[in-house]
């Protein structure tokens, strides 16, 4: 089952918000942890 255009845009907004939050993180260790979490979540989406 696929996504509608608006669902896909919503998904992209969530990813973009996470990436903006990661970019603003000053602690590089926390930044790395958050990036790993986003990557893991994206991988899970691809596997579903």
Protein backbone atom coordinates (compact mmCIF):
# COMPACT_ATOMS: atom_id res chain seq x y z
CA UNK A 1 0.00 0.00 0.00
CA UNK A 2 1.46 3.33 -1.05
CA UNK A 3 1.33 6.84 0.33
CA UNK A 4 -0.62 9.74 -1.03
CA UNK A 5 1.32 12.86 -1.96
CA UNK A 6 0.20 14.63 1.21
CA UNK A 7 1.20 11.65 3.39
CA UNK A 8 4.63 11.57 1.74
CA UNK A 9 5.07 15.31 2.26
CA UNK A 10 4.14 14.86 5.92
CA UNK A 11 6.74 12.11 6.25
CA UNK A 12 9.39 14.36 4.67
CA UNK A 13 8.45 17.16 7.11
CA UNK A 14 9.10 14.82 10.07
CA UNK A 15 12.50 13.84 8.66
CA UNK A 16 13.38 17.46 7.91
CA UNK A 17 12.42 18.57 11.44
CA UNK A 18 14.67 15.86 12.90
CA UNK A 19 17.58 16.87 10.67
CA UNK A 20 17.18 20.56 11.57
CA UNK A 21 17.18 19.61 15.25
CA UNK A 22 20.33 17.54 14.76
CA UNK A 23 22.03 20.39 12.91
CA UNK A 24 21.36 22.79 15.80
CA UNK A 25 22.80 20.38 18.41
CA UNK A 26 26.10 21.76 19.70
CA UNK A 27 27.25 18.57 21.41
CA UNK A 28 28.79 16.39 18.68
CA UNK A 29 28.22 13.18 20.65
CA UNK A 30 24.50 13.92 21.03
CA UNK A 31 24.38 15.02 17.40
CA UNK A 32 25.84 11.69 16.34
CA UNK A 33 23.39 9.73 18.53
CA UNK A 34 20.42 11.62 17.10
CA UNK A 35 21.64 11.09 13.54
CA UNK A 36 21.99 7.36 14.17
CA UNK A 37 18.41 7.28 15.47
CA UNK A 38 17.09 9.01 12.33
CA UNK A 39 19.08 6.63 10.12
CA UNK A 40 17.78 3.60 12.03
CA UNK A 41 14.20 4.85 11.74
CA UNK A 42 14.56 5.42 8.00
CA UNK A 43 16.00 1.92 7.59
CA UNK A 44 13.02 0.46 9.45
CA UNK A 45 10.64 2.31 7.13
CA UNK A 46 12.40 0.83 4.11
CA UNK A 47 12.18 -2.68 5.57
CA UNK A 48 8.43 -2.50 6.27
